[in-house]
Amino acid sequence: MAVNETFQRQIATVKSKKALDGRAAIAAAVILIIISFTGFGPKYYFDLGNAFSSFRWMTHVHALIMVLWMALFAAQVFFVRTKNIKTHITLGMAGVVLALLVIATGLIVGVQAGKYGSVSFPPDIPRLSFMIVPLGDILVFAVLFAAAIYYRKTPANHRRLMILTAINFLSPALARINIEALQNLGPLYFWGFPDVLGLVLLGIDTWRNRRLNPAFAIGLLLIIASQPLRLMISGTETWLAFAAWLTR
């Protein structure tokens, strides 16, 4: 009887952990969608008439792909929650193609913004210096997504790395939310909020599972470490020369 009760408690613990992972993924999807449309909506998604005449065509392609990416992310969370693993795996192949398009168009849009300017770039920071910020977001996403694909047969790592891809994409939208008090905080706000969110999720995950998930921790460390690193590199002669070469 005691052995049976212990076994039942172990099963309940595993189910509880999976439920927590699922709720974290749902939260990441919901937060990504809400913040993305809150940030980009007023000057783009909710004003397409002006948007189409104000932005370059590659920006429109990138915006469409990002909407498809968010929709796919949410759909994949739904299929995992409903245990429709076959559909999840099938869509995963499409997700690889879509992720490559996110990376390609994101890099192009970032370089174009560095070359021609962008309303999203701070007016008091040289374009070539600030270009490292959006390009860094795309490169971090590429690393996290590649790691998630590598761990696709290890659901615990795969799920956490995909959550981090959503957290990584919060900062561009946060930077566009037109609240002066928040905007005045600069990087402490648009990088700080995703970082704190990631640390909270990492803390809860570690506490509930009684162990630190290495993939989750290293992925979050990559996001956080890349931010001051970009600031340090952005004004160097090496970066400015590279950025000038990219925008020729």
Protein backbone atom coordinates (compact mmCIF):
# COMPACT_ATOMS: atom_id res chain seq x y z
CA MET A 1 0.00 0.00 0.00
CA ALA A 2 2.80 2.40 0.96
CA VAL A 3 4.63 1.65 -2.30
CA ASN A 4 1.44 2.30 -4.28
CA GLU A 5 0.85 5.61 -2.51
CA THR A 6 4.44 6.68 -3.19
CA PHE A 7 4.01 5.78 -6.85
CA GLN A 8 0.78 7.77 -7.07
CA ARG A 9 2.47 10.81 -5.49
CA GLN A 10 5.29 10.58 -8.03
CA ILE A 11 2.77 10.52 -10.87
CA ALA A 12 0.94 13.51 -9.38
CA THR A 13 4.24 15.41 -9.08
CA VAL A 14 5.13 14.75 -12.72
CA LYS A 15 1.69 15.90 -13.85
CA SER A 16 2.00 19.03 -11.73
CA LYS A 17 5.35 19.88 -13.31
CA LYS A 18 3.98 19.37 -16.81
CA ALA A 19 0.99 21.55 -15.96
CA LEU A 20 3.36 24.28 -14.77
CA ASP A 21 5.37 24.04 -18.00
CA GLY A 22 2.17 24.29 -19.99
CA ARG A 23 0.94 27.33 -18.08
CA ALA A 24 4.30 29.05 -18.57
CA ALA A 25 4.10 28.44 -22.33
CA ILE A 26 0.54 29.77 -22.46
CA ALA A 27 1.58 32.85 -20.47
CA ALA A 28 4.52 33.45 -22.83
CA ALA A 29 2.25 33.22 -25.89
CA VAL A 30 -0.40 35.54 -24.42
CA ILE A 31 2.15 38.10 -23.19
CA LEU A 32 3.97 38.09 -26.55
CA ILE A 33 0.77 38.69 -28.51
CA ILE A 34 -0.60 41.40 -26.18
CA ILE A 35 2.66 43.34 -25.91
CA SER A 36 3.41 43.01 -29.62
CA PHE A 37 0.09 44.50 -30.67
CA THR A 38 0.21 47.09 -27.90
CA GLY A 39 3.62 48.25 -29.09
CA PHE A 40 3.34 47.92 -32.85
CA GLY A 41 -0.43 48.32 -33.17
CA PRO A 42 -0.96 52.11 -33.01
CA LYS A 43 1.53 52.98 -35.74
CA TYR A 44 1.27 49.82 -37.79
CA TYR A 45 -1.28 47.05 -37.32
CA PHE A 46 -4.17 49.36 -36.34
CA ASP A 47 -3.29 51.99 -38.96
CA LEU A 48 -2.41 49.97 -42.04
CA GLY A 49 -3.41 52.75 -44.42
CA ASN A 50 -0.65 55.04 -43.21
CA ALA A 51 1.66 52.15 -42.46
CA PHE A 52 1.75 50.96 -46.07
CA SER A 53 2.74 54.42 -47.27
CA SER A 54 5.23 55.07 -44.47
CA PHE A 55 7.32 51.91 -44.27
CA ARG A 56 9.49 50.02 -46.76
CA TRP A 57 8.04 46.91 -48.35
CA MET A 58 10.44 44.59 -46.52
CA THR A 59 9.09 45.94 -43.23
CA HIS A 60 5.61 44.80 -44.31
CA VAL A 61 6.94 41.34 -45.19
CA HIS A 62 8.67 41.09 -41.82
CA ALA A 63 5.55 42.28 -39.98
CA LEU A 64 3.41 39.64 -41.73
CA ILE A 65 5.91 36.90 -40.95
CA MET A 66 6.04 37.95 -37.29
CA VAL A 67 2.24 37.74 -37.07
CA LEU A 68 2.38 34.26 -38.59
CA TRP A 69 5.14 33.35 -36.13
CA MET A 70 3.08 34.45 -33.14
CA ALA A 71 0.05 32.57 -34.48
CA LEU A 72 2.14 29.43 -34.96
CA PHE A 73 3.67 29.78 -31.48
CA ALA A 74 0.19 29.99 -29.94
CA ALA A 75 -1.06 27.09 -32.06
CA GLN A 76 1.86 24.90 -31.03
CA VAL A 77 1.18 25.61 -27.36
CA PHE A 78 -2.46 24.64 -27.93
CA PHE A 79 -1.57 21.38 -29.67
CA VAL A 80 0.81 20.37 -26.88
CA ARG A 81 -1.80 21.18 -24.23
CA THR A 82 -4.40 19.09 -26.07
CA LYS A 83 -1.84 16.28 -26.56
CA ASN A 84 -2.08 16.57 -30.35
CA ILE A 85 1.60 15.79 -30.68
CA LYS A 86 1.42 14.59 -34.30
CA THR A 87 0.10 17.95 -35.49
CA HIS A 88 2.63 19.72 -33.26
CA ILE A 89 5.50 17.84 -34.93
CA THR A 90 4.12 18.43 -38.43
CA LEU A 91 3.76 22.16 -37.82
CA GLY A 92 7.23 22.16 -36.31
CA MET A 93 8.68 21.59 -39.77
CA ALA A 94 6.77 24.62 -41.04
CA GLY A 95 8.02 26.49 -37.99
CA VAL A 96 11.64 25.96 -39.08
CA VAL A 97 10.90 27.58 -42.44
CA LEU A 98 9.03 30.43 -40.77
CA ALA A 99 11.85 30.97 -38.27
CA LEU A 100 14.36 31.23 -41.13
CA LEU A 101 12.12 33.87 -42.72
CA VAL A 102 11.92 35.73 -39.40
CA ILE A 103 15.72 35.78 -39.25
CA ALA A 104 16.26 36.75 -42.90
CA THR A 105 13.67 39.53 -43.02
CA GLY A 106 14.61 40.76 -39.54
CA LEU A 107 18.24 41.15 -40.53
CA ILE A 108 17.31 42.96 -43.74
CA VAL A 109 14.92 45.34 -41.95
CA GLY A 110 17.55 46.03 -39.28
CA VAL A 111 20.21 46.85 -41.88
CA GLN A 112 17.79 49.04 -43.83
CA ALA A 113 16.93 50.93 -40.65
CA GLY A 114 20.63 51.48 -40.03
CA LYS A 115 21.11 52.73 -43.59
CA TYR A 116 18.02 54.87 -44.12
CA GLY A 117 16.86 55.54 -40.56
CA SER A 118 13.73 54.42 -38.76
CA VAL A 119 11.10 56.01 -36.55
CA SER A 120 11.92 53.32 -33.98
CA PHE A 121 15.56 54.43 -33.69
CA PRO A 122 16.32 56.96 -30.92
CA PRO A 123 17.08 60.33 -32.57
CA ASP A 124 20.01 61.04 -30.25
CA ILE A 125 21.88 57.79 -31.04
CA PRO A 126 23.79 57.30 -34.34
CA ARG A 127 21.97 54.88 -36.63
CA LEU A 128 24.96 52.62 -37.18
CA SER A 129 25.53 52.30 -33.45
CA PHE A 130 21.91 51.51 -32.62
CA MET A 131 21.64 49.02 -35.47
CA ILE A 132 23.29 46.45 -33.20
CA VAL A 133 20.16 46.36 -31.03
CA PRO A 134 17.66 44.92 -33.58
CA LEU A 135 20.32 42.76 -35.21
CA GLY A 136 21.22 41.41 -31.78
CA ASP A 137 17.58 40.49 -31.11
CA ILE A 138 17.47 38.47 -34.34
CA LEU A 139 20.79 36.73 -33.70
CA VAL A 140 19.79 35.78 -30.15
CA PHE A 141 16.51 34.41 -31.50
CA ALA A 142 18.44 32.38 -34.08
CA VAL A 143 20.61 30.79 -31.39
CA LEU A 144 17.67 30.04 -29.09
CA PHE A 145 15.57 28.57 -31.87
CA ALA A 146 18.45 26.46 -33.17
CA ALA A 147 18.94 25.11 -29.65
CA ALA A 148 15.21 24.39 -29.35
CA ILE A 149 15.34 22.38 -32.58
CA TYR A 150 18.43 20.53 -31.35
CA TYR A 151 16.50 19.57 -28.20
CA ARG A 152 13.23 18.80 -30.02
CA LYS A 153 13.34 15.22 -28.69
CA THR A 154 13.84 16.49 -25.14
CA PRO A 155 10.50 18.21 -24.41
CA ALA A 156 11.61 19.83 -21.14
CA ASN A 157 14.48 21.69 -22.83
CA HIS A 158 12.63 22.32 -26.09
CA ARG A 159 9.64 23.92 -24.36
CA ARG A 160 11.75 26.20 -22.18
CA LEU A 161 13.90 27.37 -25.07
CA MET A 162 10.80 28.19 -27.12
CA ILE A 163 9.47 30.22 -24.18
CA LEU A 164 12.74 32.16 -24.24
CA THR A 165 12.30 32.96 -27.95
CA ALA A 166 9.04 34.68 -27.00
CA ILE A 167 10.67 36.56 -24.12
CA ASN A 168 13.48 37.69 -26.44
CA PHE A 169 10.98 39.33 -28.82
CA LEU A 170 9.25 41.39 -26.13
CA SER A 171 11.78 44.23 -26.06
CA PRO A 172 11.17 45.61 -29.60
CA ALA A 173 7.44 45.92 -28.84
CA LEU A 174 8.01 47.32 -25.35
CA ALA A 175 10.28 50.01 -26.80
CA ARG A 176 7.38 51.21 -28.95
CA ILE A 177 4.74 51.52 -26.22
CA ASN A 178 4.22 55.26 -26.03
CA ILE A 179 4.24 55.84 -22.28
CA GLU A 180 6.70 58.63 -21.51
CA ALA A 181 7.52 57.51 -17.97
CA LEU A 182 8.49 54.07 -19.26
CA GLN A 183 10.31 55.37 -22.32
CA ASN A 184 12.46 57.59 -20.11
CA LEU A 185 13.82 54.46 -18.43
CA GLY A 186 15.33 53.30 -21.72
CA PRO A 187 17.02 49.87 -21.61
CA LEU A 188 16.09 49.41 -17.96
CA TYR A 189 12.50 49.19 -19.19
CA PHE A 190 12.49 47.50 -22.61
CA TRP A 191 15.23 45.04 -21.65
CA GLY A 192 14.59 44.96 -17.92
CA PHE A 193 10.98 43.75 -18.12
CA PRO A 194 11.72 40.66 -20.26
CA ASP A 195 14.77 39.90 -18.12
CA VAL A 196 12.78 40.03 -14.88
CA LEU A 197 10.00 37.93 -16.43
CA GLY A 198 12.55 35.33 -17.51
CA LEU A 199 14.19 35.27 -14.08
CA VAL A 200 10.82 34.85 -12.37
CA LEU A 201 9.92 31.93 -14.63
CA LEU A 202 13.37 30.40 -14.10
CA GLY A 203 13.00 30.75 -10.32
CA ILE A 204 9.53 29.18 -10.28
CA ASP A 205 10.68 26.40 -12.61
CA THR A 206 13.71 25.64 -10.44
CA TRP A 207 11.68 25.69 -7.23
CA ARG A 208 8.96 23.41 -8.56
CA ASN A 209 11.34 20.92 -10.16
CA ARG A 210 13.93 21.07 -7.36
CA ARG A 211 16.66 21.50 -9.98
CA LEU A 212 17.97 24.13 -12.35
CA ASN A 213 17.27 23.37 -15.99
CA PRO A 214 20.63 24.09 -17.72
CA ALA A 215 19.13 24.88 -21.12
CA PHE A 216 16.67 27.35 -19.59
CA ALA A 217 19.39 29.01 -17.48
CA ILE A 218 21.96 29.27 -20.28
CA GLY A 219 19.37 30.53 -22.76
CA LEU A 220 18.21 33.24 -20.36
CA LEU A 221 21.83 34.14 -19.59
CA LEU A 222 22.40 34.58 -23.33
CA ILE A 223 19.52 37.05 -23.56
CA ILE A 224 20.62 39.05 -20.53
CA ALA A 225 24.36 39.03 -21.30
CA SER A 226 23.82 40.08 -24.92
CA GLN A 227 22.24 43.37 -23.85
CA PRO A 228 25.14 45.16 -22.12
CA LEU A 229 27.49 43.48 -24.59
CA ARG A 230 25.65 45.19 -27.45
CA LEU A 231 25.91 48.55 -25.70
CA MET A 232 29.66 48.07 -25.17
CA ILE A 233 30.25 47.06 -28.79
CA SER A 234 27.93 49.59 -30.46
CA GLY A 235 30.36 52.52 -30.33
CA THR A 236 33.58 50.67 -31.16
CA GLU A 237 35.45 51.31 -34.39
CA THR A 238 35.20 47.62 -35.29
CA TRP A 239 31.40 47.60 -35.05
CA LEU A 240 30.98 50.93 -36.83
CA ALA A 241 33.19 49.74 -39.68
CA PHE A 242 31.22 46.49 -39.91
CA ALA A 243 27.90 48.36 -39.78
CA ALA A 244 29.10 50.75 -42.50
CA TRP A 245 30.02 47.76 -44.64
CA LEU A 246 26.58 46.21 -44.10
CA THR A 247 24.79 49.40 -45.12
CA ARG A 248 26.83 50.20 -48.22
